[in-house]
Amino acid sequence: MRQGLMSRDHFTCDISRQIWESRYQYRDGNVVYDLSVADTWQRIAKALASVEPIDREVWNRRFFDVLKDFRFLPGGRIQAGCGTGRRVTL
């Protein structure tokens, strides 16, 4: 995780936090994997980079840089399912 992103609050209103927590924050029962929205961005970036044949770490950083600070948001099902191990259509 990049320094500073974990402690920063990326939400400007309660409804946006509530939507992230209820739809996109990765949880499995009582276990919470995405403790912050930056964790969600990292989960998505890592999953996208995992299919690259070379330089996966470079692609991971590139994808993360595009996702961070909400510069780009993929579709909801991608945010919810990417990198979770769940059998979903991306």
PDB file of N, CA and C in Angstrom:
ATOM      1  N   MET A   1       0.849  -1.175   0.000  1.00  0.00           N
ATOM      2  CA  MET A   1       0.000   0.000   0.000  1.00  0.00           C
ATOM      3  C   MET A   1       0.890   1.231   0.000  1.00  0.00           C
ATOM      4  N   ARG A   2       0.520   2.193  -0.750  1.00  0.00           N
ATOM      5  CA  ARG A   2       1.301   3.427  -0.815  1.00  0.00           C
ATOM      6  C   ARG A   2       1.081   4.247   0.446  1.00  0.00           C
ATOM      7  N   GLN A   3       2.145   4.813   0.940  1.00  0.00           N
ATOM      8  CA  GLN A   3       2.083   5.584   2.175  1.00  0.00           C
ATOM      9  C   GLN A   3       1.152   6.782   2.011  1.00  0.00           C
ATOM     10  N   GLY A   4       0.348   7.020   3.020  1.00  0.00           N
ATOM     11  CA  GLY A   4      -0.541   8.166   3.009  1.00  0.00           C
ATOM     12  C   GLY A   4      -1.942   7.840   2.536  1.00  0.00           C
ATOM     13  N   LEU A   5      -2.091   6.853   1.673  1.00  0.00           N
ATOM     14  CA  LEU A   5      -3.421   6.524   1.170  1.00  0.00           C
ATOM     15  C   LEU A   5      -4.250   5.796   2.214  1.00  0.00           C
ATOM     16  N   MET A   6      -3.617   4.970   3.021  1.00  0.00           N
ATOM     17  CA  MET A   6      -4.352   4.178   3.987  1.00  0.00           C
ATOM     18  C   MET A   6      -5.022   5.062   5.031  1.00  0.00           C
ATOM     19  N   SER A   7      -4.359   6.092   5.479  1.00  0.00           N
ATOM     20  CA  SER A   7      -4.899   6.914   6.551  1.00  0.00           C
ATOM     21  C   SER A   7      -5.803   8.028   6.042  1.00  0.00           C
ATOM     22  N   ARG A   8      -5.780   8.303   4.781  1.00  0.00           N
ATOM     23  CA  ARG A   8      -6.567   9.397   4.225  1.00  0.00           C
ATOM     24  C   ARG A   8      -8.024   8.980   4.044  1.00  0.00           C
ATOM     25  N   ASP A   9      -8.939   9.869   4.375  1.00  0.00           N
ATOM     26  CA  ASP A   9     -10.354   9.593   4.162  1.00  0.00           C
ATOM     27  C   ASP A   9     -10.733  10.099   2.780  1.00  0.00           C
ATOM     28  N   HIS A  10     -11.063   9.182   1.895  1.00  0.00           N
ATOM     29  CA  HIS A  10     -11.357   9.523   0.509  1.00  0.00           C
ATOM     30  C   HIS A  10     -12.829   9.889   0.279  1.00  0.00           C
ATOM     31  N   PHE A  11     -13.648   9.746   1.293  1.00  0.00           N
ATOM     32  CA  PHE A  11     -15.068  10.006   1.124  1.00  0.00           C
ATOM     33  C   PHE A  11     -15.425  11.393   1.647  1.00  0.00           C
ATOM     34  N   THR A  12     -16.198  12.120   0.867  1.00  0.00           N
ATOM     35  CA  THR A  12     -16.584  13.474   1.249  1.00  0.00           C
ATOM     36  C   THR A  12     -17.987  13.536   1.842  1.00  0.00           C
ATOM     37  N   CYS A  13     -18.739  12.440   1.726  1.00  0.00           N
ATOM     38  CA  CYS A  13     -20.065  12.411   2.340  1.00  0.00           C
ATOM     39  C   CYS A  13     -20.396  10.988   2.779  1.00  0.00           C
ATOM     40  N   ASP A  14     -21.293  10.892   3.728  1.00  0.00           N
ATOM     41  CA  ASP A  14     -21.628   9.598   4.325  1.00  0.00           C
ATOM     42  C   ASP A  14     -22.209   8.614   3.322  1.00  0.00           C
ATOM     43  N   ILE A  15     -23.008   9.094   2.376  1.00  0.00           N
ATOM     44  CA  ILE A  15     -23.653   8.182   1.435  1.00  0.00           C
ATOM     45  C   ILE A  15     -22.614   7.475   0.548  1.00  0.00           C
ATOM     46  N   SER A  16     -21.556   8.170   0.164  1.00  0.00           N
ATOM     47  CA  SER A  16     -20.534   7.526  -0.664  1.00  0.00           C
ATOM     48  C   SER A  16     -19.809   6.438   0.123  1.00  0.00           C
ATOM     49  N   ARG A  17     -19.540   6.675   1.380  1.00  0.00           N
ATOM     50  CA  ARG A  17     -18.918   5.649   2.227  1.00  0.00           C
ATOM     51  C   ARG A  17     -19.868   4.453   2.387  1.00  0.00           C
ATOM     52  N   GLN A  18     -21.134   4.729   2.607  1.00  0.00           N
ATOM     53  CA  GLN A  18     -22.118   3.666   2.793  1.00  0.00           C
ATOM     54  C   GLN A  18     -22.226   2.792   1.542  1.00  0.00           C
ATOM     55  N   ILE A  19     -22.219   3.404   0.373  1.00  0.00           N
ATOM     56  CA  ILE A  19     -22.293   2.639  -0.878  1.00  0.00           C
ATOM     57  C   ILE A  19     -21.052   1.776  -1.038  1.00  0.00           C
ATOM     58  N   TRP A  20     -19.865   2.333  -0.774  1.00  0.00           N
ATOM     59  CA  TRP A  20     -18.634   1.536  -0.865  1.00  0.00           C
ATOM     60  C   TRP A  20     -18.692   0.358   0.103  1.00  0.00           C
ATOM     61  N   GLU A  21     -19.080   0.619   1.354  1.00  0.00           N
ATOM     62  CA  GLU A  21     -19.113  -0.433   2.363  1.00  0.00           C
ATOM     63  C   GLU A  21     -20.123  -1.526   2.021  1.00  0.00           C
ATOM     64  N   SER A  22     -21.251  -1.161   1.452  1.00  0.00           N
ATOM     65  CA  SER A  22     -22.300  -2.146   1.196  1.00  0.00           C
ATOM     66  C   SER A  22     -22.144  -2.875  -0.136  1.00  0.00           C
ATOM     67  N   ARG A  23     -21.432  -2.281  -1.105  1.00  0.00           N
ATOM     68  CA  ARG A  23     -21.375  -2.889  -2.431  1.00  0.00           C
ATOM     69  C   ARG A  23     -19.980  -3.282  -2.903  1.00  0.00           C
ATOM     70  N   TYR A  24     -18.952  -2.538  -2.528  1.00  0.00           N
ATOM     71  CA  TYR A  24     -17.643  -2.732  -3.147  1.00  0.00           C
ATOM     72  C   TYR A  24     -16.538  -3.139  -2.181  1.00  0.00           C
ATOM     73  N   GLN A  25     -16.708  -2.893  -0.902  1.00  0.00           N
ATOM     74  CA  GLN A  25     -15.705  -3.312   0.078  1.00  0.00           C
ATOM     75  C   GLN A  25     -15.724  -4.835   0.139  1.00  0.00           C
ATOM     76  N   TYR A  26     -14.563  -5.441  -0.034  1.00  0.00           N
ATOM     77  CA  TYR A  26     -14.481  -6.905  -0.054  1.00  0.00           C
ATOM     78  C   TYR A  26     -14.559  -7.459   1.353  1.00  0.00           C
ATOM     79  N   ARG A  27     -15.603  -8.243   1.566  1.00  0.00           N
ATOM     80  CA  ARG A  27     -15.844  -8.925   2.836  1.00  0.00           C
ATOM     81  C   ARG A  27     -16.206 -10.367   2.539  1.00  0.00           C
ATOM     82  N   ASP A  28     -15.901 -11.226   3.469  1.00  0.00           N
ATOM     83  CA  ASP A  28     -16.340 -12.616   3.399  1.00  0.00           C
ATOM     84  C   ASP A  28     -16.872 -12.967   4.775  1.00  0.00           C
ATOM     85  N   GLY A  29     -18.168 -12.864   4.916  1.00  0.00           N
ATOM     86  CA  GLY A  29     -18.769 -13.038   6.236  1.00  0.00           C
ATOM     87  C   GLY A  29     -18.344 -11.895   7.141  1.00  0.00           C
ATOM     88  N   ASN A  30     -17.747 -12.245   8.265  1.00  0.00           N
ATOM     89  CA  ASN A  30     -17.287 -11.227   9.214  1.00  0.00           C
ATOM     90  C   ASN A  30     -15.862 -10.763   8.943  1.00  0.00           C
ATOM     91  N   VAL A  31     -15.200 -11.351   7.959  1.00  0.00           N
ATOM     92  CA  VAL A  31     -13.828 -10.986   7.639  1.00  0.00           C
ATOM     93  C   VAL A  31     -13.842  -9.863   6.610  1.00  0.00           C
ATOM     94  N   VAL A  32     -13.195  -8.747   6.940  1.00  0.00           N
ATOM     95  CA  VAL A  32     -13.122  -7.593   6.049  1.00  0.00           C
ATOM     96  C   VAL A  32     -11.719  -7.550   5.457  1.00  0.00           C
ATOM     97  N   TYR A  33     -11.630  -7.610   4.129  1.00  0.00           N
ATOM     98  CA  TYR A  33     -10.330  -7.588   3.452  1.00  0.00           C
ATOM     99  C   TYR A  33      -9.937  -6.172   3.027  1.00  0.00           C
ATOM    100  N   ASP A  34     -10.890  -5.407   2.547  1.00  0.00           N
ATOM    101  CA  ASP A  34     -10.622  -4.024   2.136  1.00  0.00           C
ATOM    102  C   ASP A  34     -10.922  -3.116   3.326  1.00  0.00           C
ATOM    103  N   LEU A  35      -9.877  -2.729   4.041  1.00  0.00           N
ATOM    104  CA  LEU A  35     -10.070  -1.861   5.198  1.00  0.00           C
ATOM    105  C   LEU A  35     -10.236  -0.405   4.792  1.00  0.00           C
ATOM    106  N   SER A  36      -9.835  -0.082   3.570  1.00  0.00           N
ATOM    107  CA  SER A  36      -9.962   1.281   3.053  1.00  0.00           C
ATOM    108  C   SER A  36     -10.273   1.194   1.565  1.00  0.00           C
ATOM    109  N   VAL A  37     -10.702   2.298   1.003  1.00  0.00           N
ATOM    110  CA  VAL A  37     -10.957   2.315  -0.428  1.00  0.00           C
ATOM    111  C   VAL A  37      -9.642   2.126  -1.191  1.00  0.00           C
ATOM    112  N   ALA A  38      -8.527   2.556  -0.633  1.00  0.00           N
ATOM    113  CA  ALA A  38      -7.226   2.314  -1.260  1.00  0.00           C
ATOM    114  C   ALA A  38      -6.935   0.817  -1.341  1.00  0.00           C
ATOM    115  N   ASP A  39      -7.394   0.045  -0.353  1.00  0.00           N
ATOM    116  CA  ASP A  39      -7.262  -1.411  -0.426  1.00  0.00           C
ATOM    117  C   ASP A  39      -8.089  -1.970  -1.587  1.00  0.00           C
ATOM    118  N   THR A  40      -9.247  -1.394  -1.817  1.00  0.00           N
ATOM    119  CA  THR A  40     -10.081  -1.815  -2.948  1.00  0.00           C
ATOM    120  C   THR A  40      -9.361  -1.522  -4.254  1.00  0.00           C
ATOM    121  N   TRP A  41      -8.795  -0.327  -4.376  1.00  0.00           N
ATOM    122  CA  TRP A  41      -8.042   0.009  -5.594  1.00  0.00           C
ATOM    123  C   TRP A  41      -6.887  -0.956  -5.800  1.00  0.00           C
ATOM    124  N   GLN A  42      -6.185  -1.300  -4.719  1.00  0.00           N
ATOM    125  CA  GLN A  42      -5.051  -2.202  -4.838  1.00  0.00           C
ATOM    126  C   GLN A  42      -5.504  -3.599  -5.241  1.00  0.00           C
ATOM    127  N   ARG A  43      -6.615  -4.061  -4.688  1.00  0.00           N
ATOM    128  CA  ARG A  43      -7.163  -5.375  -5.040  1.00  0.00           C
ATOM    129  C   ARG A  43      -7.492  -5.435  -6.530  1.00  0.00           C
ATOM    130  N   ILE A  44      -8.127  -4.404  -7.034  1.00  0.00           N
ATOM    131  CA  ILE A  44      -8.500  -4.353  -8.447  1.00  0.00           C
ATOM    132  C   ILE A  44      -7.251  -4.279  -9.315  1.00  0.00           C
ATOM    133  N   ALA A  45      -6.318  -3.406  -8.963  1.00  0.00           N
ATOM    134  CA  ALA A  45      -5.088  -3.243  -9.749  1.00  0.00           C
ATOM    135  C   ALA A  45      -4.299  -4.545  -9.813  1.00  0.00           C
ATOM    136  N   LYS A  46      -4.181  -5.227  -8.693  1.00  0.00           N
ATOM    137  CA  LYS A  46      -3.432  -6.484  -8.652  1.00  0.00           C
ATOM    138  C   LYS A  46      -4.098  -7.549  -9.527  1.00  0.00           C
ATOM    139  N   ALA A  47      -5.418  -7.629  -9.466  1.00  0.00           N
ATOM    140  CA  ALA A  47      -6.134  -8.611 -10.280  1.00  0.00           C
ATOM    141  C   ALA A  47      -5.995  -8.299 -11.768  1.00  0.00           C
ATOM    142  N   LEU A  48      -6.088  -7.038 -12.134  1.00  0.00           N
ATOM    143  CA  LEU A  48      -5.919  -6.665 -13.539  1.00  0.00           C
ATOM    144  C   LEU A  48      -4.503  -6.959 -14.021  1.00  0.00           C
ATOM    145  N   ALA A  49      -3.519  -6.660 -13.188  1.00  0.00           N
ATOM    146  CA  ALA A  49      -2.116  -6.885 -13.565  1.00  0.00           C
ATOM    147  C   ALA A  49      -1.775  -8.370 -13.630  1.00  0.00           C
ATOM    148  N   SER A  50      -2.517  -9.197 -12.943  1.00  0.00           N
ATOM    149  CA  SER A  50      -2.188 -10.625 -12.867  1.00  0.00           C
ATOM    150  C   SER A  50      -2.266 -11.341 -14.214  1.00  0.00           C
ATOM    151  N   VAL A  51      -2.965 -10.765 -15.180  1.00  0.00           N
ATOM    152  CA  VAL A  51      -3.074 -11.417 -16.490  1.00  0.00           C
ATOM    153  C   VAL A  51      -2.023 -10.931 -17.480  1.00  0.00           C
ATOM    154  N   GLU A  52      -1.233  -9.952 -17.067  1.00  0.00           N
ATOM    155  CA  GLU A  52      -0.173  -9.446 -17.946  1.00  0.00           C
ATOM    156  C   GLU A  52       0.958 -10.472 -18.015  1.00  0.00           C
ATOM    157  N   PRO A  53       1.468 -10.746 -19.223  1.00  0.00           N
ATOM    158  CA  PRO A  53       2.511 -11.782 -19.354  1.00  0.00           C
ATOM    159  C   PRO A  53       3.858 -11.383 -18.760  1.00  0.00           C
ATOM    160  N   ILE A  54       4.168 -10.086 -18.730  1.00  0.00           N
ATOM    161  CA  ILE A  54       5.439  -9.623 -18.145  1.00  0.00           C
ATOM    162  C   ILE A  54       5.193  -8.330 -17.370  1.00  0.00           C
ATOM    163  N   ASP A  55       6.114  -8.017 -16.505  1.00  0.00           N
ATOM    164  CA  ASP A  55       6.096  -6.753 -15.750  1.00  0.00           C
ATOM    165  C   ASP A  55       4.812  -6.536 -14.959  1.00  0.00           C
ATOM    166  N   ARG A  56       4.356  -7.576 -14.282  1.00  0.00           N
ATOM    167  CA  ARG A  56       3.101  -7.457 -13.525  1.00  0.00           C
ATOM    168  C   ARG A  56       3.152  -6.365 -12.462  1.00  0.00           C
ATOM    169  N   GLU A  57       4.287  -6.211 -11.809  1.00  0.00           N
ATOM    170  CA  GLU A  57       4.397  -5.182 -10.769  1.00  0.00           C
ATOM    171  C   GLU A  57       4.306  -3.782 -11.379  1.00  0.00           C
ATOM    172  N   VAL A  58       4.875  -3.608 -12.562  1.00  0.00           N
ATOM    173  CA  VAL A  58       4.778  -2.322 -13.260  1.00  0.00           C
ATOM    174  C   VAL A  58       3.318  -2.042 -13.607  1.00  0.00           C
ATOM    175  N   TRP A  59       2.615  -3.049 -14.132  1.00  0.00           N
ATOM    176  CA  TRP A  59       1.205  -2.881 -14.481  1.00  0.00           C
ATOM    177  C   TRP A  59       0.354  -2.651 -13.237  1.00  0.00           C
ATOM    178  N   ASN A  60       0.687  -3.336 -12.158  1.00  0.00           N
ATOM    179  CA  ASN A  60      -0.040  -3.135 -10.914  1.00  0.00           C
ATOM    180  C   ASN A  60       0.034  -1.662 -10.498  1.00  0.00           C
ATOM    181  N   ARG A  61       1.230  -1.094 -10.524  1.00  0.00           N
ATOM    182  CA  ARG A  61       1.397   0.328 -10.170  1.00  0.00           C
ATOM    183  C   ARG A  61       0.632   1.234 -11.136  1.00  0.00           C
ATOM    184  N   ARG A  62       0.696   0.923 -12.423  1.00  0.00           N
ATOM    185  CA  ARG A  62      -0.011   1.750 -13.417  1.00  0.00           C
ATOM    186  C   ARG A  62      -1.514   1.714 -13.196  1.00  0.00           C
ATOM    187  N   PHE A  63      -2.045   0.521 -13.006  1.00  0.00           N
ATOM    188  CA  PHE A  63      -3.483   0.400 -12.774  1.00  0.00           C
ATOM    189  C   PHE A  63      -3.883   1.109 -11.484  1.00  0.00           C
ATOM    190  N   PHE A  64      -3.081   0.941 -10.437  1.00  0.00           N
ATOM    191  CA  PHE A  64      -3.382   1.598  -9.169  1.00  0.00           C
ATOM    192  C   PHE A  64      -3.375   3.115  -9.334  1.00  0.00           C
ATOM    193  N   ASP A  65      -2.385   3.637 -10.044  1.00  0.00           N
ATOM    194  CA  ASP A  65      -2.293   5.091 -10.239  1.00  0.00           C
ATOM    195  C   ASP A  65      -3.504   5.648 -10.972  1.00  0.00           C
ATOM    196  N   VAL A  66      -4.078   4.873 -11.865  1.00  0.00           N
ATOM    197  CA  VAL A  66      -5.276   5.327 -12.582  1.00  0.00           C
ATOM    198  C   VAL A  66      -6.503   5.267 -11.668  1.00  0.00           C
ATOM    199  N   LEU A  67      -6.547   4.262 -10.789  1.00  0.00           N
ATOM    200  CA  LEU A  67      -7.697   4.094  -9.901  1.00  0.00           C
ATOM    201  C   LEU A  67      -7.684   5.062  -8.716  1.00  0.00           C
ATOM    202  N   LYS A  68      -6.492   5.362  -8.209  1.00  0.00           N
ATOM    203  CA  LYS A  68      -6.421   6.137  -6.964  1.00  0.00           C
ATOM    204  C   LYS A  68      -7.084   7.503  -7.118  1.00  0.00           C
ATOM    205  N   ASP A  69      -7.609   7.959  -6.006  1.00  0.00           N
ATOM    206  CA  ASP A  69      -8.300   9.244  -5.940  1.00  0.00           C
ATOM    207  C   ASP A  69      -9.478   9.335  -6.905  1.00  0.00           C
ATOM    208  N   PHE A  70     -10.025   8.171  -7.266  1.00  0.00           N
ATOM    209  CA  PHE A  70     -11.222   8.093  -8.116  1.00  0.00           C
ATOM    210  C   PHE A  70     -11.008   8.699  -9.497  1.00  0.00           C
ATOM    211  N   ARG A  71      -9.772   8.652  -9.993  1.00  0.00           N
ATOM    212  CA  ARG A  71      -9.501   9.186 -11.333  1.00  0.00           C
ATOM    213  C   ARG A  71     -10.236   8.367 -12.390  1.00  0.00           C
ATOM    214  N   PHE A  72     -10.352   7.064 -12.142  1.00  0.00           N
ATOM    215  CA  PHE A  72     -11.103   6.182 -13.027  1.00  0.00           C
ATOM    216  C   PHE A  72     -11.796   5.147 -12.163  1.00  0.00           C
ATOM    217  N   LEU A  73     -13.048   4.889 -12.429  1.00  0.00           N
ATOM    218  CA  LEU A  73     -13.782   3.854 -11.719  1.00  0.00           C
ATOM    219  C   LEU A  73     -14.314   2.841 -12.717  1.00  0.00           C
ATOM    220  N   PRO A  74     -13.902   1.590 -12.597  1.00  0.00           N
ATOM    221  CA  PRO A  74     -14.484   0.564 -13.461  1.00  0.00           C
ATOM    222  C   PRO A  74     -15.937   0.322 -13.064  1.00  0.00           C
ATOM    223  N   GLY A  75     -16.639  -0.434 -13.873  1.00  0.00           N
ATOM    224  CA  GLY A  75     -18.031  -0.750 -13.580  1.00  0.00           C
ATOM    225  C   GLY A  75     -18.191  -1.410 -12.223  1.00  0.00           C
ATOM    226  N   GLY A  76     -19.376  -1.323 -11.675  1.00  0.00           N
ATOM    227  CA  GLY A  76     -19.649  -1.828 -10.338  1.00  0.00           C
ATOM    228  C   GLY A  76     -19.324  -3.285 -10.135  1.00  0.00           C
ATOM    229  N   ARG A  77     -19.677  -4.137 -11.091  1.00  0.00           N
ATOM    230  CA  ARG A  77     -19.406  -5.565 -10.906  1.00  0.00           C
ATOM    231  C   ARG A  77     -17.913  -5.846 -10.900  1.00  0.00           C
ATOM    232  N   ILE A  78     -17.135  -5.030 -11.609  1.00  0.00           N
ATOM    233  CA  ILE A  78     -15.683  -5.185 -11.597  1.00  0.00           C
ATOM    234  C   ILE A  78     -15.139  -4.768 -10.240  1.00  0.00           C
ATOM    235  N   GLN A  79     -15.607  -3.644  -9.718  1.00  0.00           N
ATOM    236  CA  GLN A  79     -15.167  -3.197  -8.392  1.00  0.00           C
ATOM    237  C   GLN A  79     -15.538  -4.212  -7.314  1.00  0.00           C
ATOM    238  N   ALA A  80     -16.699  -4.786  -7.437  1.00  0.00           N
ATOM    239  CA  ALA A  80     -17.181  -5.724  -6.413  1.00  0.00           C
ATOM    240  C   ALA A  80     -16.496  -7.082  -6.509  1.00  0.00           C
ATOM    241  N   GLY A  81     -16.187  -7.546  -7.723  1.00  0.00           N
ATOM    242  CA  GLY A  81     -15.725  -8.918  -7.868  1.00  0.00           C
ATOM    243  C   GLY A  81     -14.260  -9.112  -8.187  1.00  0.00           C
ATOM    244  N   CYS A  82     -13.612  -8.131  -8.754  1.00  0.00           N
ATOM    245  CA  CYS A  82     -12.238  -8.261  -9.214  1.00  0.00           C
ATOM    246  C   CYS A  82     -11.293  -8.545  -8.046  1.00  0.00           C
ATOM    247  N   GLY A  83     -10.561  -9.645  -8.133  1.00  0.00           N
ATOM    248  CA  GLY A  83      -9.580  -9.975  -7.117  1.00  0.00           C
ATOM    249  C   GLY A  83     -10.142 -10.602  -5.855  1.00  0.00           C
ATOM    250  N   THR A  84     -11.407 -10.989  -5.861  1.00  0.00           N
ATOM    251  CA  THR A  84     -12.000 -11.592  -4.678  1.00  0.00           C
ATOM    252  C   THR A  84     -11.950 -13.113  -4.687  1.00  0.00           C
ATOM    253  N   GLY A  85     -11.667 -13.695  -5.847  1.00  0.00           N
ATOM    254  CA  GLY A  85     -11.706 -15.153  -5.944  1.00  0.00           C
ATOM    255  C   GLY A  85     -13.102 -15.683  -6.162  1.00  0.00           C
ATOM    256  N   ARG A  86     -14.073 -14.805  -6.148  1.00  0.00           N
ATOM    257  CA  ARG A  86     -15.453 -15.218  -6.427  1.00  0.00           C
ATOM    258  C   ARG A  86     -15.622 -15.463  -7.905  1.00  0.00           C
ATOM    259  N   ARG A  87     -16.495 -16.341  -8.233  1.00  0.00           N
ATOM    260  CA  ARG A  87     -16.760 -16.653  -9.625  1.00  0.00           C
ATOM    261  C   ARG A  87     -17.753 -15.635 -10.183  1.00  0.00           C
ATOM    262  N   VAL A  88     -17.223 -14.586 -10.774  1.00  0.00           N
ATOM    263  CA  VAL A  88     -18.043 -13.493 -11.300  1.00  0.00           C
ATOM    264  C   VAL A  88     -17.594 -13.150 -12.721  1.00  0.00           C
ATOM    265  N   THR A  89     -18.475 -12.529 -13.464  1.00  0.00           N
ATOM    266  CA  THR A  89     -18.140 -12.073 -14.812  1.00  0.00           C
ATOM    267  C   THR A  89     -17.572 -10.673 -14.709  1.00  0.00           C
ATOM    268  N   LEU A  90     -16.360 -10.512 -15.213  1.00  0.00           N
ATOM    269  CA  LEU A  90     -15.758  -9.190 -15.199  1.00  0.00           C
ATOM    270  C   LEU A  90     -15.879  -8.570 -16.570  1.00  0.00           C
TER     271      LEU A  90
END
